[in-house]
Amino acid sequence: MQKKLITLAAAMLGTSAAQADVTDHFNRADALTLGTNYTVQNGNLRIQNNRAITTNFVSLATYDNSISDSASIDVALRGIDAGSYVALSFGFDSANSYFIKVQDNDGDGFFDRYGFDTGNNDLNGVFANLNPFQSGTIRVDVTGTVATLKVFANGGEQTFSADYGYAPGSSTVGFGLNRLGAADNFTFDAVRGGAAVPEPASWALMIAGFGLAGAASRTRRRAALA
């Protein structure tokens, strides 16, 4: 009985780790850095009021050892400043990279453009209008050489796609900010060699399982002594 419960708990832990995405909610004390899991490739990114912001232009950070062909991030503006954007980056540490953003191009406090670029906002790809919004979520899925951007805002969804003609050169994922763009809830697929933290419900079931196993073991010992 004890062995079966332990096996079940281990299986539940493995299932949780396999199914869980990696999410950084940025819910930590204000700091001048994003944290130890990030490599800042350019600019000056930091934590302020439980969000990621920049105090510099064209800032980008990648998540160490990340593996992802899809990612999402909550986007917002901290004020009005033309050129403010939030972006998702794929394969920045390679010659072939994707940089996909939403931007307040007109300086009116609304994200009104989307872009499919490369590098760190290299401005050599698609840059077009979208239905304006102030805050929402963007998600990018990469399939082969095609990137699909979905914008969830104002109770609706906008979808845009671009064929880069090449796949990202690596699976490293990150995000970029410019001016008054702000980011929250950065989510992607996985981390190399990393184990996801089990959900609270999984912990509760595992603890209950170990408790039952212990009780069964104590009962057997008492019966043997009698």
C-alpha atoms as a PDB file:
ATOM      1  CA  MET A   1       0.000   0.000   0.000  1.00  0.00           C
ATOM      2  CA  GLN A   2       2.730   2.420   1.002  1.00  0.00           C
ATOM      3  CA  LYS A   3       4.725   1.688  -2.138  1.00  0.00           C
ATOM      4  CA  LYS A   4       1.649   2.209  -4.329  1.00  0.00           C
ATOM      5  CA  LEU A   5       0.873   5.592  -2.742  1.00  0.00           C
ATOM      6  CA  ILE A   6       4.430   6.791  -3.145  1.00  0.00           C
ATOM      7  CA  THR A   7       4.411   5.664  -6.777  1.00  0.00           C
ATOM      8  CA  LEU A   8       1.132   7.522  -7.345  1.00  0.00           C
ATOM      9  CA  ALA A   9       2.515  10.679  -5.743  1.00  0.00           C
ATOM     10  CA  ALA A  10       5.631  10.521  -7.895  1.00  0.00           C
ATOM     11  CA  ALA A  11       3.517  10.038 -11.010  1.00  0.00           C
ATOM     12  CA  MET A  12       1.382  13.048 -10.083  1.00  0.00           C
ATOM     13  CA  LEU A  13       4.512  15.136  -9.569  1.00  0.00           C
ATOM     14  CA  GLY A  14       5.871  14.099 -12.960  1.00  0.00           C
ATOM     15  CA  THR A  15       2.565  14.873 -14.677  1.00  0.00           C
ATOM     16  CA  SER A  16       2.414  18.302 -13.080  1.00  0.00           C
ATOM     17  CA  ALA A  17       5.964  19.097 -14.153  1.00  0.00           C
ATOM     18  CA  ALA A  18       5.327  17.918 -17.691  1.00  0.00           C
ATOM     19  CA  GLN A  19       2.136  19.918 -18.130  1.00  0.00           C
ATOM     20  CA  ALA A  20       3.130  23.146 -16.414  1.00  0.00           C
ATOM     21  CA  ASP A  21       4.276  26.199 -18.345  1.00  0.00           C
ATOM     22  CA  VAL A  22       6.877  28.552 -16.917  1.00  0.00           C
ATOM     23  CA  THR A  23       5.337  31.856 -15.829  1.00  0.00           C
ATOM     24  CA  ASP A  24       7.014  34.871 -14.285  1.00  0.00           C
ATOM     25  CA  HIS A  25       4.383  37.066 -12.643  1.00  0.00           C
ATOM     26  CA  PHE A  26       7.059  39.586 -11.554  1.00  0.00           C
ATOM     27  CA  ASN A  27       5.397  39.633  -8.127  1.00  0.00           C
ATOM     28  CA  ARG A  28       8.477  40.558  -6.144  1.00  0.00           C
ATOM     29  CA  ALA A  29      10.060  43.581  -4.554  1.00  0.00           C
ATOM     30  CA  ASP A  30      11.072  46.503  -6.743  1.00  0.00           C
ATOM     31  CA  ALA A  31      14.584  45.898  -8.045  1.00  0.00           C
ATOM     32  CA  LEU A  32      17.060  47.269 -10.543  1.00  0.00           C
ATOM     33  CA  THR A  33      17.223  43.869 -12.274  1.00  0.00           C
ATOM     34  CA  LEU A  34      14.684  41.301 -13.472  1.00  0.00           C
ATOM     35  CA  GLY A  35      16.258  38.503 -11.434  1.00  0.00           C
ATOM     36  CA  THR A  36      18.819  35.741 -11.688  1.00  0.00           C
ATOM     37  CA  ASN A  37      17.005  33.778 -14.403  1.00  0.00           C
ATOM     38  CA  TYR A  38      17.401  36.504 -17.024  1.00  0.00           C
ATOM     39  CA  THR A  39      20.202  37.724 -19.238  1.00  0.00           C
ATOM     40  CA  VAL A  40      19.711  41.350 -20.256  1.00  0.00           C
ATOM     41  CA  GLN A  41      20.878  41.593 -23.857  1.00  0.00           C
ATOM     42  CA  ASN A  42      20.341  45.315 -24.174  1.00  0.00           C
ATOM     43  CA  GLY A  43      19.055  48.267 -22.193  1.00  0.00           C
ATOM     44  CA  ASN A  44      17.983  48.493 -18.590  1.00  0.00           C
ATOM     45  CA  LEU A  45      15.127  46.280 -17.395  1.00  0.00           C
ATOM     46  CA  ARG A  46      13.843  46.200 -13.844  1.00  0.00           C
ATOM     47  CA  ILE A  47      10.911  45.359 -11.558  1.00  0.00           C
ATOM     48  CA  GLN A  48       8.544  48.111 -10.474  1.00  0.00           C
ATOM     49  CA  ASN A  49       5.114  47.652  -8.889  1.00  0.00           C
ATOM     50  CA  ASN A  50       5.081  43.936  -9.771  1.00  0.00           C
ATOM     51  CA  ARG A  51       5.717  44.563 -13.462  1.00  0.00           C
ATOM     52  CA  ALA A  52       8.736  44.598 -15.741  1.00  0.00           C
ATOM     53  CA  ILE A  53       9.654  48.039 -17.078  1.00  0.00           C
ATOM     54  CA  THR A  54      12.610  49.746 -18.702  1.00  0.00           C
ATOM     55  CA  THR A  55      14.317  53.054 -18.031  1.00  0.00           C
ATOM     56  CA  ASN A  56      16.115  52.864 -21.350  1.00  0.00           C
ATOM     57  CA  PHE A  57      15.172  52.535 -25.008  1.00  0.00           C
ATOM     58  CA  VAL A  58      15.041  49.228 -26.923  1.00  0.00           C
ATOM     59  CA  SER A  59      15.645  46.898 -23.989  1.00  0.00           C
ATOM     60  CA  LEU A  60      15.569  43.116 -24.297  1.00  0.00           C
ATOM     61  CA  ALA A  61      16.115  40.174 -21.943  1.00  0.00           C
ATOM     62  CA  THR A  62      16.160  36.435 -22.556  1.00  0.00           C
ATOM     63  CA  TYR A  63      15.222  33.730 -20.048  1.00  0.00           C
ATOM     64  CA  ASP A  64      18.168  31.456 -19.324  1.00  0.00           C
ATOM     65  CA  ASN A  65      17.893  27.878 -20.628  1.00  0.00           C
ATOM     66  CA  SER A  66      14.389  28.467 -21.984  1.00  0.00           C
ATOM     67  CA  ILE A  67      12.782  26.166 -24.560  1.00  0.00           C
ATOM     68  CA  SER A  68       9.806  27.605 -26.393  1.00  0.00           C
ATOM     69  CA  ASP A  69       7.981  27.840 -29.684  1.00  0.00           C
ATOM     70  CA  SER A  70       5.126  29.750 -28.072  1.00  0.00           C
ATOM     71  CA  ALA A  71       4.949  32.478 -25.460  1.00  0.00           C
ATOM     72  CA  SER A  72       2.578  35.089 -24.104  1.00  0.00           C
ATOM     73  CA  ILE A  73       2.856  38.273 -22.085  1.00  0.00           C
ATOM     74  CA  ASP A  74       0.481  40.879 -20.648  1.00  0.00           C
ATOM     75  CA  VAL A  75       1.127  44.297 -22.166  1.00  0.00           C
ATOM     76  CA  ALA A  76       0.316  47.789 -20.931  1.00  0.00           C
ATOM     77  CA  LEU A  77       1.466  51.403 -21.141  1.00  0.00           C
ATOM     78  CA  ARG A  78       2.676  53.430 -18.170  1.00  0.00           C
ATOM     79  CA  GLY A  79       1.931  56.700 -19.932  1.00  0.00           C
ATOM     80  CA  ILE A  80       2.013  58.416 -23.296  1.00  0.00           C
ATOM     81  CA  ASP A  81       5.245  58.289 -25.277  1.00  0.00           C
ATOM     82  CA  ALA A  82       5.401  57.576 -29.002  1.00  0.00           C
ATOM     83  CA  GLY A  83       7.320  54.422 -29.791  1.00  0.00           C
ATOM     84  CA  SER A  84       6.495  52.602 -26.556  1.00  0.00           C
ATOM     85  CA  TYR A  85       6.192  48.867 -27.175  1.00  0.00           C
ATOM     86  CA  VAL A  86       6.185  45.385 -25.660  1.00  0.00           C
ATOM     87  CA  ALA A  87       7.640  42.486 -27.666  1.00  0.00           C
ATOM     88  CA  LEU A  88       8.270  38.750 -27.549  1.00  0.00           C
ATOM     89  CA  SER A  89      11.615  37.428 -28.776  1.00  0.00           C
ATOM     90  CA  PHE A  90      12.513  33.969 -30.118  1.00  0.00           C
ATOM     91  CA  GLY A  91      16.059  32.775 -30.802  1.00  0.00           C
ATOM     92  CA  PHE A  92      17.794  36.057 -30.002  1.00  0.00           C
ATOM     93  CA  ASP A  93      21.077  34.243 -29.316  1.00  0.00           C
ATOM     94  CA  SER A  94      21.317  33.155 -32.952  1.00  0.00           C
ATOM     95  CA  ALA A  95      21.617  34.679 -36.413  1.00  0.00           C
ATOM     96  CA  ASN A  96      17.973  33.810 -37.127  1.00  0.00           C
ATOM     97  CA  SER A  97      15.645  35.426 -34.622  1.00  0.00           C
ATOM     98  CA  TYR A  98      12.079  36.710 -34.355  1.00  0.00           C
ATOM     99  CA  PHE A  99      11.031  39.925 -32.635  1.00  0.00           C
ATOM    100  CA  ILE A 100       7.272  40.474 -32.536  1.00  0.00           C
ATOM    101  CA  LYS A 101       5.766  43.547 -30.916  1.00  0.00           C
ATOM    102  CA  VAL A 102       2.768  45.782 -30.324  1.00  0.00           C
ATOM    103  CA  GLN A 103       3.538  49.491 -30.239  1.00  0.00           C
ATOM    104  CA  ASP A 104       2.031  52.868 -29.437  1.00  0.00           C
ATOM    105  CA  ASN A 105       3.251  54.461 -32.630  1.00  0.00           C
ATOM    106  CA  ASP A 106       1.209  57.678 -32.509  1.00  0.00           C
ATOM    107  CA  GLY A 107       1.889  58.591 -28.890  1.00  0.00           C
ATOM    108  CA  ASP A 108      -1.806  58.614 -27.986  1.00  0.00           C
ATOM    109  CA  GLY A 109      -1.674  56.086 -25.141  1.00  0.00           C
ATOM    110  CA  PHE A 110      -2.920  53.162 -27.283  1.00  0.00           C
ATOM    111  CA  PHE A 111      -1.105  50.252 -28.883  1.00  0.00           C
ATOM    112  CA  ASP A 112      -1.960  50.873 -32.531  1.00  0.00           C
ATOM    113  CA  ARG A 113       0.673  48.937 -34.553  1.00  0.00           C
ATOM    114  CA  TYR A 114       2.075  45.431 -34.616  1.00  0.00           C
ATOM    115  CA  GLY A 115       5.415  44.375 -36.025  1.00  0.00           C
ATOM    116  CA  PHE A 116       7.178  41.215 -37.161  1.00  0.00           C
ATOM    117  CA  ASP A 117      10.859  42.137 -36.900  1.00  0.00           C
ATOM    118  CA  THR A 118      14.170  40.439 -36.104  1.00  0.00           C
ATOM    119  CA  GLY A 119      17.038  40.948 -33.666  1.00  0.00           C
ATOM    120  CA  ASN A 120      16.261  43.657 -31.142  1.00  0.00           C
ATOM    121  CA  ASN A 121      13.661  45.784 -32.955  1.00  0.00           C
ATOM    122  CA  ASP A 122      15.675  45.842 -36.180  1.00  0.00           C
ATOM    123  CA  LEU A 123      12.706  47.332 -38.111  1.00  0.00           C
ATOM    124  CA  ASN A 124      13.172  45.211 -41.208  1.00  0.00           C
ATOM    125  CA  GLY A 125       9.852  43.367 -41.363  1.00  0.00           C
ATOM    126  CA  VAL A 126       6.084  43.853 -41.309  1.00  0.00           C
ATOM    127  CA  PHE A 127       4.819  46.928 -39.448  1.00  0.00           C
ATOM    128  CA  ALA A 128       1.076  47.590 -39.762  1.00  0.00           C
ATOM    129  CA  ASN A 129      -2.028  48.926 -38.028  1.00  0.00           C
ATOM    130  CA  LEU A 130      -4.108  47.022 -35.502  1.00  0.00           C
ATOM    131  CA  ASN A 131      -7.287  47.888 -33.633  1.00  0.00           C
ATOM    132  CA  PRO A 132      -6.049  50.180 -30.830  1.00  0.00           C
ATOM    133  CA  PHE A 133      -6.042  49.041 -27.213  1.00  0.00           C
ATOM    134  CA  GLN A 134      -4.506  50.192 -23.943  1.00  0.00           C
ATOM    135  CA  SER A 135      -3.815  46.880 -22.210  1.00  0.00           C
ATOM    136  CA  GLY A 136      -4.222  43.203 -23.004  1.00  0.00           C
ATOM    137  CA  THR A 137      -2.307  40.014 -23.717  1.00  0.00           C
ATOM    138  CA  ILE A 138      -0.248  39.046 -26.734  1.00  0.00           C
ATOM    139  CA  ARG A 139       0.622  35.468 -27.658  1.00  0.00           C
ATOM    140  CA  VAL A 140       2.994  34.255 -30.349  1.00  0.00           C
ATOM    141  CA  ASP A 141       3.084  30.708 -31.720  1.00  0.00           C
ATOM    142  CA  VAL A 142       5.890  29.611 -34.047  1.00  0.00           C
ATOM    143  CA  THR A 143       5.244  26.759 -36.484  1.00  0.00           C
ATOM    144  CA  GLY A 144       8.080  26.048 -38.866  1.00  0.00           C
ATOM    145  CA  THR A 145       8.928  29.397 -40.460  1.00  0.00           C
ATOM    146  CA  VAL A 146       5.586  31.076 -39.632  1.00  0.00           C
ATOM    147  CA  ALA A 147       4.917  33.220 -36.571  1.00  0.00           C
ATOM    148  CA  THR A 148       1.331  33.926 -35.536  1.00  0.00           C
ATOM    149  CA  LEU A 149       0.533  36.845 -33.256  1.00  0.00           C
ATOM    150  CA  LYS A 150      -2.731  36.880 -31.312  1.00  0.00           C
ATOM    151  CA  VAL A 151      -3.818  40.014 -29.489  1.00  0.00           C
ATOM    152  CA  PHE A 152      -6.409  39.606 -26.739  1.00  0.00           C
ATOM    153  CA  ALA A 153      -7.868  42.973 -25.753  1.00  0.00           C
ATOM    154  CA  ASN A 154     -11.158  44.858 -25.448  1.00  0.00           C
ATOM    155  CA  GLY A 155     -12.993  41.549 -25.130  1.00  0.00           C
ATOM    156  CA  GLY A 156     -11.885  40.390 -28.581  1.00  0.00           C
ATOM    157  CA  GLU A 157      -9.053  38.764 -30.495  1.00  0.00           C
ATOM    158  CA  GLN A 158      -6.929  39.947 -33.408  1.00  0.00           C
ATOM    159  CA  THR A 159      -4.700  37.532 -35.324  1.00  0.00           C
ATOM    160  CA  PHE A 160      -1.756  38.290 -37.615  1.00  0.00           C
ATOM    161  CA  SER A 161       0.818  36.001 -39.237  1.00  0.00           C
ATOM    162  CA  ALA A 162       4.119  36.347 -41.062  1.00  0.00           C
ATOM    163  CA  ASP A 163       6.368  33.846 -42.822  1.00  0.00           C
ATOM    164  CA  TYR A 164       9.978  34.659 -42.001  1.00  0.00           C
ATOM    165  CA  GLY A 165      11.273  32.112 -44.490  1.00  0.00           C
ATOM    166  CA  TYR A 166      13.439  30.538 -41.774  1.00  0.00           C
ATOM    167  CA  ALA A 167      12.882  29.071 -38.326  1.00  0.00           C
ATOM    168  CA  PRO A 168      14.384  30.688 -35.212  1.00  0.00           C
ATOM    169  CA  GLY A 169      17.973  29.575 -34.795  1.00  0.00           C
ATOM    170  CA  SER A 170      17.413  28.538 -31.179  1.00  0.00           C
ATOM    171  CA  SER A 171      14.557  27.923 -28.754  1.00  0.00           C
ATOM    172  CA  THR A 172      15.587  30.716 -26.370  1.00  0.00           C
ATOM    173  CA  VAL A 173      12.705  33.052 -25.575  1.00  0.00           C
ATOM    174  CA  GLY A 174      12.577  36.527 -24.082  1.00  0.00           C
ATOM    175  CA  PHE A 175      10.792  39.854 -24.178  1.00  0.00           C
ATOM    176  CA  GLY A 176      11.550  43.445 -25.079  1.00  0.00           C
ATOM    177  CA  LEU A 177      10.374  46.844 -23.877  1.00  0.00           C
ATOM    178  CA  ASN A 178      10.743  50.384 -25.107  1.00  0.00           C
ATOM    179  CA  ARG A 179       9.983  53.703 -23.425  1.00  0.00           C
ATOM    180  CA  LEU A 180       6.758  53.386 -21.393  1.00  0.00           C
ATOM    181  CA  GLY A 181       5.843  49.821 -22.307  1.00  0.00           C
ATOM    182  CA  ALA A 182       5.214  47.530 -19.312  1.00  0.00           C
ATOM    183  CA  ALA A 183       5.011  43.735 -19.119  1.00  0.00           C
ATOM    184  CA  ASP A 184       3.489  41.191 -16.751  1.00  0.00           C
ATOM    185  CA  ASN A 185       2.820  37.442 -16.591  1.00  0.00           C
ATOM    186  CA  PHE A 186       5.492  36.304 -19.035  1.00  0.00           C
ATOM    187  CA  THR A 187       4.691  32.673 -19.941  1.00  0.00           C
ATOM    188  CA  PHE A 188       6.495  30.168 -22.150  1.00  0.00           C
ATOM    189  CA  ASP A 189       6.916  26.427 -22.629  1.00  0.00           C
ATOM    190  CA  ALA A 190       9.746  25.125 -20.464  1.00  0.00           C
ATOM    191  CA  VAL A 191      13.302  25.408 -19.127  1.00  0.00           C
ATOM    192  CA  ARG A 192      16.045  22.925 -20.002  1.00  0.00           C
ATOM    193  CA  GLY A 193      16.605  20.586 -17.082  1.00  0.00           C
ATOM    194  CA  GLY A 194      14.090  22.479 -14.977  1.00  0.00           C
ATOM    195  CA  ALA A 195      11.298  20.899 -12.929  1.00  0.00           C
ATOM    196  CA  ALA A 196       8.037  22.782 -12.663  1.00  0.00           C
ATOM    197  CA  VAL A 197       6.645  23.392  -9.183  1.00  0.00           C
ATOM    198  CA  PRO A 198       3.592  21.187  -8.563  1.00  0.00           C
ATOM    199  CA  GLU A 199       0.232  22.892  -8.293  1.00  0.00           C
ATOM    200  CA  PRO A 200      -1.159  23.280  -4.716  1.00  0.00           C
ATOM    201  CA  ALA A 201      -3.765  20.582  -5.360  1.00  0.00           C
ATOM    202  CA  SER A 202      -1.036  18.141  -6.372  1.00  0.00           C
ATOM    203  CA  TRP A 203       0.932  18.923  -3.223  1.00  0.00           C
ATOM    204  CA  ALA A 204      -2.179  18.321  -1.102  1.00  0.00           C
ATOM    205  CA  LEU A 205      -2.856  14.958  -2.708  1.00  0.00           C
ATOM    206  CA  MET A 206       0.756  13.883  -2.370  1.00  0.00           C
ATOM    207  CA  ILE A 207       0.890  14.889   1.292  1.00  0.00           C
ATOM    208  CA  ALA A 208      -2.352  13.020   1.937  1.00  0.00           C
ATOM    209  CA  GLY A 209      -0.902   9.979   0.181  1.00  0.00           C
ATOM    210  CA  PHE A 210       2.238  10.001   2.277  1.00  0.00           C
ATOM    211  CA  GLY A 211       0.105  10.443   5.394  1.00  0.00           C
ATOM    212  CA  LEU A 212      -1.982   7.391   4.532  1.00  0.00           C
ATOM    213  CA  ALA A 213       1.160   5.416   3.793  1.00  0.00           C
ATOM    214  CA  GLY A 214       2.572   6.322   7.189  1.00  0.00           C
ATOM    215  CA  ALA A 215      -0.647   5.376   8.929  1.00  0.00           C
ATOM    216  CA  ALA A 216      -0.724   2.006   7.161  1.00  0.00           C
ATOM    217  CA  SER A 217       2.882   1.373   8.159  1.00  0.00           C
ATOM    218  CA  ARG A 218       2.180   2.192  11.831  1.00  0.00           C
ATOM    219  CA  THR A 219      -0.847  -0.131  11.828  1.00  0.00           C
ATOM    220  CA  ARG A 220       1.264  -2.999  10.517  1.00  0.00           C
ATOM    221  CA  ARG A 221       3.912  -2.400  13.183  1.00  0.00           C
ATOM    222  CA  ARG A 222       1.316  -2.415  15.974  1.00  0.00           C
ATOM    223  CA  ALA A 223      -0.188  -5.642  14.614  1.00  0.00           C
ATOM    224  CA  ALA A 224       3.256  -7.260  14.535  1.00  0.00           C
ATOM    225  CA  LEU A 225       3.979  -6.245  18.141  1.00  0.00           C
ATOM    226  CA  ALA A 226       0.615  -7.616  19.304  1.00  0.00           C
END
